[in-house]
Amino acid sequence: SINRMGWYRQAPGKQRELVAAITSGGRINYADSVKGRF
């Protein structure tokens, strides 16, 4: 089973950060910087 899938990103010189994630039940979380665009 897969409980959660998501996307992270890492720019040069920066920490890896969560972009968006979705659970098996459909719960979604976005980074504030991408809300409304991704």
PDB file of all heavy atoms in Angstrom:
ATOM      1  N   SER A   1       0.838  -1.185   0.000  1.00  0.00           N
ATOM      2  CA  SER A   1       0.000   0.000   0.000  1.00  0.00           C
ATOM      3  C   SER A   1       0.878   1.241   0.000  1.00  0.00           C
ATOM      4  O   SER A   1       2.031   1.208   0.428  1.00  0.00           O
ATOM      5  CB  SER A   1      -0.943   0.024   1.206  1.00  0.00           C
ATOM      6  OG  SER A   1      -0.221   0.153   2.415  1.00  0.00           O
ATOM      7  N   ILE A   2       0.311   2.332  -0.474  1.00  0.00           N
ATOM      8  CA  ILE A   2       0.964   3.630  -0.441  1.00  0.00           C
ATOM      9  C   ILE A   2       0.074   4.580   0.342  1.00  0.00           C
ATOM     10  O   ILE A   2      -1.058   4.839  -0.056  1.00  0.00           O
ATOM     11  CB  ILE A   2       1.219   4.183  -1.851  1.00  0.00           C
ATOM     12  CG1 ILE A   2       2.106   3.236  -2.645  1.00  0.00           C
ATOM     13  CG2 ILE A   2       1.847   5.573  -1.764  1.00  0.00           C
ATOM     14  CD1 ILE A   2       2.370   3.681  -4.068  1.00  0.00           C
ATOM     15  N   ASN A   3       0.583   5.069   1.450  1.00  0.00           N
ATOM     16  CA  ASN A   3      -0.211   5.917   2.323  1.00  0.00           C
ATOM     17  C   ASN A   3      -0.179   7.384   1.907  1.00  0.00           C
ATOM     18  O   ASN A   3      -1.157   8.096   2.082  1.00  0.00           O
ATOM     19  CB  ASN A   3       0.274   5.797   3.768  1.00  0.00           C
ATOM     20  CG  ASN A   3       0.143   4.391   4.308  1.00  0.00           C
ATOM     21  OD1 ASN A   3      -0.847   3.711   4.061  1.00  0.00           O
ATOM     22  ND2 ASN A   3       1.154   3.940   5.034  1.00  0.00           N
ATOM     23  N   ARG A   4       0.931   7.804   1.367  1.00  0.00           N
ATOM     24  CA  ARG A   4       1.132   9.215   1.052  1.00  0.00           C
ATOM     25  C   ARG A   4       2.133   9.342  -0.078  1.00  0.00           C
ATOM     26  O   ARG A   4       3.144   8.641  -0.097  1.00  0.00           O
ATOM     27  CB  ARG A   4       1.632   9.944   2.301  1.00  0.00           C
ATOM     28  CG  ARG A   4       1.922  11.432   2.160  1.00  0.00           C
ATOM     29  CD  ARG A   4       2.414  11.956   3.500  1.00  0.00           C
ATOM     30  NE  ARG A   4       2.690  13.382   3.506  1.00  0.00           N
ATOM     31  CZ  ARG A   4       3.865  13.921   3.213  1.00  0.00           C
ATOM     32  NH1 ARG A   4       4.887  13.149   2.847  1.00  0.00           N
ATOM     33  NH2 ARG A   4       4.027  15.243   3.271  1.00  0.00           N
ATOM     34  N   MET A   5       1.858  10.217  -1.012  1.00  0.00           N
ATOM     35  CA  MET A   5       2.799  10.533  -2.075  1.00  0.00           C
ATOM     36  C   MET A   5       2.928  12.041  -2.164  1.00  0.00           C
ATOM     37  O   MET A   5       1.964  12.764  -1.909  1.00  0.00           O
ATOM     38  CB  MET A   5       2.355   9.966  -3.424  1.00  0.00           C
ATOM     39  CG  MET A   5       2.240   8.450  -3.455  1.00  0.00           C
ATOM     40  SD  MET A   5       1.947   7.787  -5.123  1.00  0.00           S
ATOM     41  CE  MET A   5       3.612   7.921  -5.821  1.00  0.00           C
ATOM     42  N   GLY A   6       4.104  12.488  -2.515  1.00  0.00           N
ATOM     43  CA  GLY A   6       4.299  13.916  -2.574  1.00  0.00           C
ATOM     44  C   GLY A   6       5.480  14.316  -3.426  1.00  0.00           C
ATOM     45  O   GLY A   6       6.221  13.475  -3.946  1.00  0.00           O
ATOM     46  N   TRP A   7       5.613  15.622  -3.553  1.00  0.00           N
ATOM     47  CA  TRP A   7       6.698  16.220  -4.300  1.00  0.00           C
ATOM     48  C   TRP A   7       7.483  17.161  -3.398  1.00  0.00           C
ATOM     49  O   TRP A   7       6.892  17.964  -2.667  1.00  0.00           O
ATOM     50  CB  TRP A   7       6.171  17.001  -5.507  1.00  0.00           C
ATOM     51  CG  TRP A   7       5.579  16.136  -6.567  1.00  0.00           C
ATOM     52  CD1 TRP A   7       4.273  15.787  -6.711  1.00  0.00           C
ATOM     53  CD2 TRP A   7       6.290  15.506  -7.637  1.00  0.00           C
ATOM     54  NE1 TRP A   7       4.111  14.977  -7.801  1.00  0.00           N
ATOM     55  CE2 TRP A   7       5.327  14.788  -8.388  1.00  0.00           C
ATOM     56  CE3 TRP A   7       7.623  15.476  -8.031  1.00  0.00           C
ATOM     57  CZ2 TRP A   7       5.681  14.047  -9.523  1.00  0.00           C
ATOM     58  CZ3 TRP A   7       7.966  14.744  -9.148  1.00  0.00           C
ATOM     59  CH2 TRP A   7       6.998  14.042  -9.878  1.00  0.00           C
ATOM     60  N   TYR A   8       8.786  17.044  -3.462  1.00  0.00           N
ATOM     61  CA  TYR A   8       9.706  17.945  -2.799  1.00  0.00           C
ATOM     62  C   TYR A   8      10.595  18.578  -3.851  1.00  0.00           C
ATOM     63  O   TYR A   8      10.724  18.068  -4.962  1.00  0.00           O
ATOM     64  CB  TYR A   8      10.558  17.194  -1.774  1.00  0.00           C
ATOM     65  CG  TYR A   8       9.789  16.654  -0.590  1.00  0.00           C
ATOM     66  CD1 TYR A   8       8.932  15.568  -0.724  1.00  0.00           C
ATOM     67  CD2 TYR A   8       9.927  17.232   0.670  1.00  0.00           C
ATOM     68  CE1 TYR A   8       8.227  15.072   0.357  1.00  0.00           C
ATOM     69  CE2 TYR A   8       9.232  16.741   1.759  1.00  0.00           C
ATOM     70  CZ  TYR A   8       8.386  15.655   1.592  1.00  0.00           C
ATOM     71  OH  TYR A   8       7.698  15.163   2.671  1.00  0.00           O
ATOM     72  N   ARG A   9      11.212  19.692  -3.492  1.00  0.00           N
ATOM     73  CA  ARG A   9      12.147  20.309  -4.416  1.00  0.00           C
ATOM     74  C   ARG A   9      13.339  20.869  -3.655  1.00  0.00           C
ATOM     75  O   ARG A   9      13.250  21.203  -2.480  1.00  0.00           O
ATOM     76  CB  ARG A   9      11.476  21.413  -5.238  1.00  0.00           C
ATOM     77  CG  ARG A   9      11.046  22.637  -4.440  1.00  0.00           C
ATOM     78  CD  ARG A   9      10.267  23.597  -5.331  1.00  0.00           C
ATOM     79  NE  ARG A   9       9.860  24.795  -4.617  1.00  0.00           N
ATOM     80  CZ  ARG A   9       9.055  25.717  -5.114  1.00  0.00           C
ATOM     81  NH1 ARG A   9       8.565  25.588  -6.346  1.00  0.00           N
ATOM     82  NH2 ARG A   9       8.736  26.787  -4.395  1.00  0.00           N
ATOM     83  N   GLN A  10      14.440  20.969  -4.368  1.00  0.00           N
ATOM     84  CA  GLN A  10      15.655  21.498  -3.790  1.00  0.00           C
ATOM     85  C   GLN A  10      16.357  22.365  -4.820  1.00  0.00           C
ATOM     86  O   GLN A  10      16.750  21.887  -5.885  1.00  0.00           O
ATOM     87  CB  GLN A  10      16.579  20.384  -3.316  1.00  0.00           C
ATOM     88  CG  GLN A  10      17.784  20.875  -2.540  1.00  0.00           C
ATOM     89  CD  GLN A  10      18.509  19.750  -1.839  1.00  0.00           C
ATOM     90  OE1 GLN A  10      18.421  18.594  -2.236  1.00  0.00           O
ATOM     91  NE2 GLN A  10      19.223  20.082  -0.775  1.00  0.00           N
ATOM     92  N   ALA A  11      16.498  23.635  -4.488  1.00  0.00           N
ATOM     93  CA  ALA A  11      17.220  24.574  -5.322  1.00  0.00           C
ATOM     94  C   ALA A  11      18.663  24.654  -4.845  1.00  0.00           C
ATOM     95  O   ALA A  11      18.970  24.332  -3.695  1.00  0.00           O
ATOM     96  CB  ALA A  11      16.565  25.952  -5.265  1.00  0.00           C
ATOM     97  N   PRO A  12      19.583  25.089  -5.710  1.00  0.00           N
ATOM     98  CA  PRO A  12      20.982  25.198  -5.304  1.00  0.00           C
ATOM     99  C   PRO A  12      21.152  26.057  -4.057  1.00  0.00           C
ATOM    100  O   PRO A  12      20.607  27.162  -3.974  1.00  0.00           O
ATOM    101  CB  PRO A  12      21.655  25.844  -6.513  1.00  0.00           C
ATOM    102  CG  PRO A  12      20.797  25.446  -7.668  1.00  0.00           C
ATOM    103  CD  PRO A  12      19.398  25.443  -7.130  1.00  0.00           C
ATOM    104  N   GLY A  13      21.878  25.543  -3.085  1.00  0.00           N
ATOM    105  CA  GLY A  13      22.137  26.272  -1.865  1.00  0.00           C
ATOM    106  C   GLY A  13      20.990  26.331  -0.889  1.00  0.00           C
ATOM    107  O   GLY A  13      21.090  27.042   0.118  1.00  0.00           O
ATOM    108  N   LYS A  14      19.917  25.614  -1.152  1.00  0.00           N
ATOM    109  CA  LYS A  14      18.754  25.648  -0.278  1.00  0.00           C
ATOM    110  C   LYS A  14      18.412  24.249   0.207  1.00  0.00           C
ATOM    111  O   LYS A  14      18.831  23.243  -0.359  1.00  0.00           O
ATOM    112  CB  LYS A  14      17.549  26.257  -1.001  1.00  0.00           C
ATOM    113  CG  LYS A  14      17.755  27.683  -1.476  1.00  0.00           C
ATOM    114  CD  LYS A  14      16.509  28.249  -2.126  1.00  0.00           C
ATOM    115  CE  LYS A  14      15.393  28.444  -1.124  1.00  0.00           C
ATOM    116  NZ  LYS A  14      14.198  29.091  -1.750  1.00  0.00           N
ATOM    117  N   GLN A  15      17.641  24.201   1.281  1.00  0.00           N
ATOM    118  CA  GLN A  15      17.177  22.934   1.831  1.00  0.00           C
ATOM    119  C   GLN A  15      16.070  22.343   0.963  1.00  0.00           C
ATOM    120  O   GLN A  15      15.336  23.068   0.291  1.00  0.00           O
ATOM    121  CB  GLN A  15      16.656  23.130   3.255  1.00  0.00           C
ATOM    122  CG  GLN A  15      17.690  23.596   4.262  1.00  0.00           C
ATOM    123  CD  GLN A  15      18.606  22.482   4.673  1.00  0.00           C
ATOM    124  OE1 GLN A  15      19.683  22.312   4.103  1.00  0.00           O
ATOM    125  NE2 GLN A  15      18.194  21.705   5.659  1.00  0.00           N
ATOM    126  N   ARG A  16      15.957  21.032   1.004  1.00  0.00           N
ATOM    127  CA  ARG A  16      14.847  20.392   0.331  1.00  0.00           C
ATOM    128  C   ARG A  16      13.555  20.737   1.058  1.00  0.00           C
ATOM    129  O   ARG A  16      13.486  20.694   2.290  1.00  0.00           O
ATOM    130  CB  ARG A  16      15.053  18.880   0.291  1.00  0.00           C
ATOM    131  CG  ARG A  16      14.007  18.137  -0.522  1.00  0.00           C
ATOM    132  CD  ARG A  16      14.329  16.650  -0.649  1.00  0.00           C
ATOM    133  NE  ARG A  16      15.598  16.423  -1.321  1.00  0.00           N
ATOM    134  CZ  ARG A  16      16.050  15.227  -1.667  1.00  0.00           C
ATOM    135  NH1 ARG A  16      15.321  14.142  -1.415  1.00  0.00           N
ATOM    136  NH2 ARG A  16      17.233  15.116  -2.261  1.00  0.00           N
ATOM    137  N   GLU A  17      12.521  21.079   0.307  1.00  0.00           N
ATOM    138  CA  GLU A  17      11.273  21.506   0.900  1.00  0.00           C
ATOM    139  C   GLU A  17      10.093  20.775   0.285  1.00  0.00           C
ATOM    140  O   GLU A  17      10.122  20.375  -0.879  1.00  0.00           O
ATOM    141  CB  GLU A  17      11.080  23.021   0.734  1.00  0.00           C
ATOM    142  CG  GLU A  17      10.955  23.467  -0.718  1.00  0.00           C
ATOM    143  CD  GLU A  17      10.653  24.946  -0.867  1.00  0.00           C
ATOM    144  OE1 GLU A  17      10.349  25.607   0.146  1.00  0.00           O
ATOM    145  OE2 GLU A  17      10.724  25.457  -2.010  1.00  0.00           O
ATOM    146  N   LEU A  18       9.066  20.621   1.082  1.00  0.00           N
ATOM    147  CA  LEU A  18       7.830  20.022   0.601  1.00  0.00           C
ATOM    148  C   LEU A  18       7.128  20.988  -0.340  1.00  0.00           C
ATOM    149  O   LEU A  18       6.960  22.164  -0.027  1.00  0.00           O
ATOM    150  CB  LEU A  18       6.913  19.680   1.774  1.00  0.00           C
ATOM    151  CG  LEU A  18       5.509  19.186   1.401  1.00  0.00           C
ATOM    152  CD1 LEU A  18       5.581  17.804   0.775  1.00  0.00           C
ATOM    153  CD2 LEU A  18       4.602  19.166   2.627  1.00  0.00           C
ATOM    154  N   VAL A  19       6.703  20.481  -1.480  1.00  0.00           N
ATOM    155  CA  VAL A  19       5.918  21.252  -2.428  1.00  0.00           C
ATOM    156  C   VAL A  19       4.438  20.922  -2.274  1.00  0.00           C
ATOM    157  O   VAL A  19       3.596  21.811  -2.124  1.00  0.00           O
ATOM    158  CB  VAL A  19       6.366  20.994  -3.876  1.00  0.00           C
ATOM    159  CG1 VAL A  19       5.494  21.775  -4.862  1.00  0.00           C
ATOM    160  CG2 VAL A  19       7.829  21.364  -4.049  1.00  0.00           C
ATOM    161  N   ALA A  20       4.109  19.646  -2.335  1.00  0.00           N
ATOM    162  CA  ALA A  20       2.734  19.197  -2.211  1.00  0.00           C
ATOM    163  C   ALA A  20       2.725  17.726  -1.864  1.00  0.00           C
ATOM    164  O   ALA A  20       3.640  16.983  -2.223  1.00  0.00           O
ATOM    165  CB  ALA A  20       1.954  19.436  -3.510  1.00  0.00           C
ATOM    166  N   ALA A  21       1.686  17.292  -1.167  1.00  0.00           N
ATOM    167  CA  ALA A  21       1.539  15.889  -0.808  1.00  0.00           C
ATOM    168  C   ALA A  21       0.071  15.524  -0.786  1.00  0.00           C
ATOM    169  O   ALA A  21      -0.799  16.376  -0.559  1.00  0.00           O
ATOM    170  CB  ALA A  21       2.181  15.604   0.549  1.00  0.00           C
ATOM    171  N   ILE A  22      -0.192  14.243  -1.007  1.00  0.00           N
ATOM    172  CA  ILE A  22      -1.561  13.751  -1.005  1.00  0.00           C
ATOM    173  C   ILE A  22      -1.582  12.377  -0.359  1.00  0.00           C
ATOM    174  O   ILE A  22      -0.741  11.521  -0.634  1.00  0.00           O
ATOM    175  CB  ILE A  22      -2.142  13.726  -2.440  1.00  0.00           C
ATOM    176  CG1 ILE A  22      -3.609  13.296  -2.430  1.00  0.00           C
ATOM    177  CG2 ILE A  22      -1.304  12.847  -3.359  1.00  0.00           C
ATOM    178  CD1 ILE A  22      -4.306  13.522  -3.768  1.00  0.00           C
ATOM    179  N   THR A  23      -2.544  12.151   0.531  1.00  0.00           N
ATOM    180  CA  THR A  23      -2.680  10.872   1.207  1.00  0.00           C
ATOM    181  C   THR A  23      -3.582   9.947   0.410  1.00  0.00           C
ATOM    182  O   THR A  23      -4.239  10.345  -0.551  1.00  0.00           O
ATOM    183  CB  THR A  23      -3.248  11.045   2.615  1.00  0.00           C
ATOM    184  OG1 THR A  23      -4.626  11.448   2.528  1.00  0.00           O
ATOM    185  CG2 THR A  23      -2.467  12.087   3.405  1.00  0.00           C
ATOM    186  N   SER A  24      -3.630   8.690   0.837  1.00  0.00           N
ATOM    187  CA  SER A  24      -4.495   7.721   0.178  1.00  0.00           C
ATOM    188  C   SER A  24      -5.960   8.107   0.282  1.00  0.00           C
ATOM    189  O   SER A  24      -6.764   7.733  -0.578  1.00  0.00           O
ATOM    190  CB  SER A  24      -4.280   6.326   0.775  1.00  0.00           C
ATOM    191  OG  SER A  24      -4.581   6.314   2.160  1.00  0.00           O
ATOM    192  N   GLY A  25      -6.314   8.853   1.319  1.00  0.00           N
ATOM    193  CA  GLY A  25      -7.677   9.315   1.487  1.00  0.00           C
ATOM    194  C   GLY A  25      -7.994  10.604   0.771  1.00  0.00           C
ATOM    195  O   GLY A  25      -9.130  11.085   0.851  1.00  0.00           O
ATOM    196  N   GLY A  26      -7.014  11.178   0.090  1.00  0.00           N
ATOM    197  CA  GLY A  26      -7.245  12.375  -0.691  1.00  0.00           C
ATOM    198  C   GLY A  26      -6.941  13.682   0.013  1.00  0.00           C
ATOM    199  O   GLY A  26      -7.203  14.754  -0.547  1.00  0.00           O
ATOM    200  N   ARG A  27      -6.405  13.619   1.213  1.00  0.00           N
ATOM    201  CA  ARG A  27      -6.035  14.854   1.906  1.00  0.00           C
ATOM    202  C   ARG A  27      -4.792  15.449   1.256  1.00  0.00           C
ATOM    203  O   ARG A  27      -3.801  14.761   1.040  1.00  0.00           O
ATOM    204  CB  ARG A  27      -5.787  14.589   3.384  1.00  0.00           C
ATOM    205  CG  ARG A  27      -5.560  15.841   4.212  1.00  0.00           C
ATOM    206  CD  ARG A  27      -5.344  15.494   5.680  1.00  0.00           C
ATOM    207  NE  ARG A  27      -6.508  14.846   6.254  1.00  0.00           N
ATOM    208  CZ  ARG A  27      -7.544  15.498   6.778  1.00  0.00           C
ATOM    209  NH1 ARG A  27      -7.561  16.813   6.798  1.00  0.00           N
ATOM    210  NH2 ARG A  27      -8.556  14.814   7.284  1.00  0.00           N
ATOM    211  N   ILE A  28      -4.822  16.750   0.983  1.00  0.00           N
ATOM    212  CA  ILE A  28      -3.781  17.428   0.232  1.00  0.00           C
ATOM    213  C   ILE A  28      -3.178  18.557   1.049  1.00  0.00           C
ATOM    214  O   ILE A  28      -3.882  19.269   1.769  1.00  0.00           O
ATOM    215  CB  ILE A  28      -4.342  17.979  -1.095  1.00  0.00           C
ATOM    216  CG1 ILE A  28      -4.778  16.830  -2.010  1.00  0.00           C
ATOM    217  CG2 ILE A  28      -3.315  18.859  -1.800  1.00  0.00           C
ATOM    218  CD1 ILE A  28      -5.497  17.276  -3.258  1.00  0.00           C
ATOM    219  N   ASN A  29      -1.888  18.711   0.914  1.00  0.00           N
ATOM    220  CA  ASN A  29      -1.164  19.800   1.546  1.00  0.00           C
ATOM    221  C   ASN A  29      -0.238  20.444   0.532  1.00  0.00           C
ATOM    222  O   ASN A  29       0.468  19.748  -0.192  1.00  0.00           O
ATOM    223  CB  ASN A  29      -0.370  19.278   2.747  1.00  0.00           C
ATOM    224  CG  ASN A  29       0.437  20.347   3.435  1.00  0.00           C
ATOM    225  OD1 ASN A  29       1.657  20.307   3.443  1.00  0.00           O
ATOM    226  ND2 ASN A  29      -0.257  21.319   4.022  1.00  0.00           N
ATOM    227  N   TYR A  30      -0.242  21.783   0.479  1.00  0.00           N
ATOM    228  CA  TYR A  30       0.629  22.538  -0.417  1.00  0.00           C
ATOM    229  C   TYR A  30       1.514  23.485   0.377  1.00  0.00           C
ATOM    230  O   TYR A  30       1.109  24.017   1.417  1.00  0.00           O
ATOM    231  CB  TYR A  30      -0.176  23.393  -1.387  1.00  0.00           C
ATOM    232  CG  TYR A  30      -0.983  22.642  -2.414  1.00  0.00           C
ATOM    233  CD1 TYR A  30      -2.365  22.509  -2.275  1.00  0.00           C
ATOM    234  CD2 TYR A  30      -0.383  22.092  -3.535  1.00  0.00           C
ATOM    235  CE1 TYR A  30      -3.109  21.843  -3.221  1.00  0.00           C
ATOM    236  CE2 TYR A  30      -1.125  21.423  -4.489  1.00  0.00           C
ATOM    237  CZ  TYR A  30      -2.496  21.303  -4.325  1.00  0.00           C
ATOM    238  OH  TYR A  30      -3.239  20.642  -5.276  1.00  0.00           O
ATOM    239  N   ALA A  31       2.694  23.719  -0.156  1.00  0.00           N
ATOM    240  CA  ALA A  31       3.496  24.812   0.345  1.00  0.00           C
ATOM    241  C   ALA A  31       2.812  26.134   0.004  1.00  0.00           C
ATOM    242  O   ALA A  31       2.182  26.268  -1.049  1.00  0.00           O
ATOM    243  CB  ALA A  31       4.897  24.782  -0.265  1.00  0.00           C
ATOM    244  N   ASP A  32       2.932  27.115   0.894  1.00  0.00           N
ATOM    245  CA  ASP A  32       2.289  28.401   0.652  1.00  0.00           C
ATOM    246  C   ASP A  32       2.749  29.033  -0.661  1.00  0.00           C
ATOM    247  O   ASP A  32       1.962  29.715  -1.334  1.00  0.00           O
ATOM    248  CB  ASP A  32       2.567  29.358   1.808  1.00  0.00           C
ATOM    249  CG  ASP A  32       1.817  28.991   3.069  1.00  0.00           C
ATOM    250  OD1 ASP A  32       0.822  28.247   2.987  1.00  0.00           O
ATOM    251  OD2 ASP A  32       2.225  29.463   4.150  1.00  0.00           O
ATOM    252  N   SER A  33       3.983  28.809  -1.030  1.00  0.00           N
ATOM    253  CA  SER A  33       4.542  29.442  -2.210  1.00  0.00           C
ATOM    254  C   SER A  33       3.944  28.939  -3.520  1.00  0.00           C
ATOM    255  O   SER A  33       4.097  29.589  -4.553  1.00  0.00           O
ATOM    256  CB  SER A  33       6.059  29.255  -2.242  1.00  0.00           C
ATOM    257  OG  SER A  33       6.401  27.879  -2.270  1.00  0.00           O
ATOM    258  N   VAL A  34       3.271  27.798  -3.489  1.00  0.00           N
ATOM    259  CA  VAL A  34       2.724  27.235  -4.722  1.00  0.00           C
ATOM    260  C   VAL A  34       1.212  27.163  -4.728  1.00  0.00           C
ATOM    261  O   VAL A  34       0.624  26.770  -5.747  1.00  0.00           O
ATOM    262  CB  VAL A  34       3.306  25.834  -5.012  1.00  0.00           C
ATOM    263  CG1 VAL A  34       4.829  25.878  -4.999  1.00  0.00           C
ATOM    264  CG2 VAL A  34       2.781  24.799  -4.028  1.00  0.00           C
ATOM    265  N   LYS A  35       0.571  27.530  -3.642  1.00  0.00           N
ATOM    266  CA  LYS A  35      -0.885  27.483  -3.587  1.00  0.00           C
ATOM    267  C   LYS A  35      -1.496  28.362  -4.673  1.00  0.00           C
ATOM    268  O   LYS A  35      -1.077  29.495  -4.882  1.00  0.00           O
ATOM    269  CB  LYS A  35      -1.382  27.930  -2.212  1.00  0.00           C
ATOM    270  CG  LYS A  35      -1.159  26.918  -1.115  1.00  0.00           C
ATOM    271  CD  LYS A  35      -1.708  27.410   0.220  1.00  0.00           C
ATOM    272  CE  LYS A  35      -1.503  26.380   1.306  1.00  0.00           C
ATOM    273  NZ  LYS A  35      -1.989  26.865   2.620  1.00  0.00           N
ATOM    274  N   GLY A  36      -2.475  27.817  -5.344  1.00  0.00           N
ATOM    275  CA  GLY A  36      -3.125  28.532  -6.427  1.00  0.00           C
ATOM    276  C   GLY A  36      -2.456  28.368  -7.768  1.00  0.00           C
ATOM    277  O   GLY A  36      -3.036  28.743  -8.791  1.00  0.00           O
ATOM    278  N   ARG A  37      -1.246  27.829  -7.786  1.00  0.00           N
ATOM    279  CA  ARG A  37      -0.518  27.636  -9.032  1.00  0.00           C
ATOM    280  C   ARG A  37      -0.272  26.163  -9.355  1.00  0.00           C
ATOM    281  O   ARG A  37      -0.299  25.777 -10.519  1.00  0.00           O
ATOM    282  CB  ARG A  37       0.828  28.361  -8.985  1.00  0.00           C
ATOM    283  CG  ARG A  37       0.708  29.868  -8.783  1.00  0.00           C
ATOM    284  CD  ARG A  37       2.062  30.557  -8.940  1.00  0.00           C
ATOM    285  NE  ARG A  37       3.032  30.095  -7.943  1.00  0.00           N
ATOM    286  CZ  ARG A  37       4.182  29.499  -8.238  1.00  0.00           C
ATOM    287  NH1 ARG A  37       4.528  29.288  -9.507  1.00  0.00           N
ATOM    288  NH2 ARG A  37       5.011  29.133  -7.272  1.00  0.00           N
ATOM    289  N   PHE A  38      -0.010  25.364  -8.331  1.00  0.00           N
ATOM    290  CA  PHE A  38       0.280  23.945  -8.524  1.00  0.00           C
ATOM    291  C   PHE A  38      -0.906  23.106  -8.065  1.00  0.00           C
ATOM    292  O   PHE A  38      -1.614  23.465  -7.114  1.00  0.00           O
ATOM    293  CB  PHE A  38       1.504  23.517  -7.714  1.00  0.00           C
ATOM    294  CG  PHE A  38       2.813  24.091  -8.186  1.00  0.00           C
ATOM    295  CD1 PHE A  38       2.878  25.086  -9.144  1.00  0.00           C
ATOM    296  CD2 PHE A  38       3.997  23.611  -7.648  1.00  0.00           C
ATOM    297  CE1 PHE A  38       4.089  25.608  -9.570  1.00  0.00           C
ATOM    298  CE2 PHE A  38       5.216  24.120  -8.059  1.00  0.00           C
ATOM    299  CZ  PHE A  38       5.262  25.121  -9.018  1.00  0.00           C
TER     300      PHE A  38
END
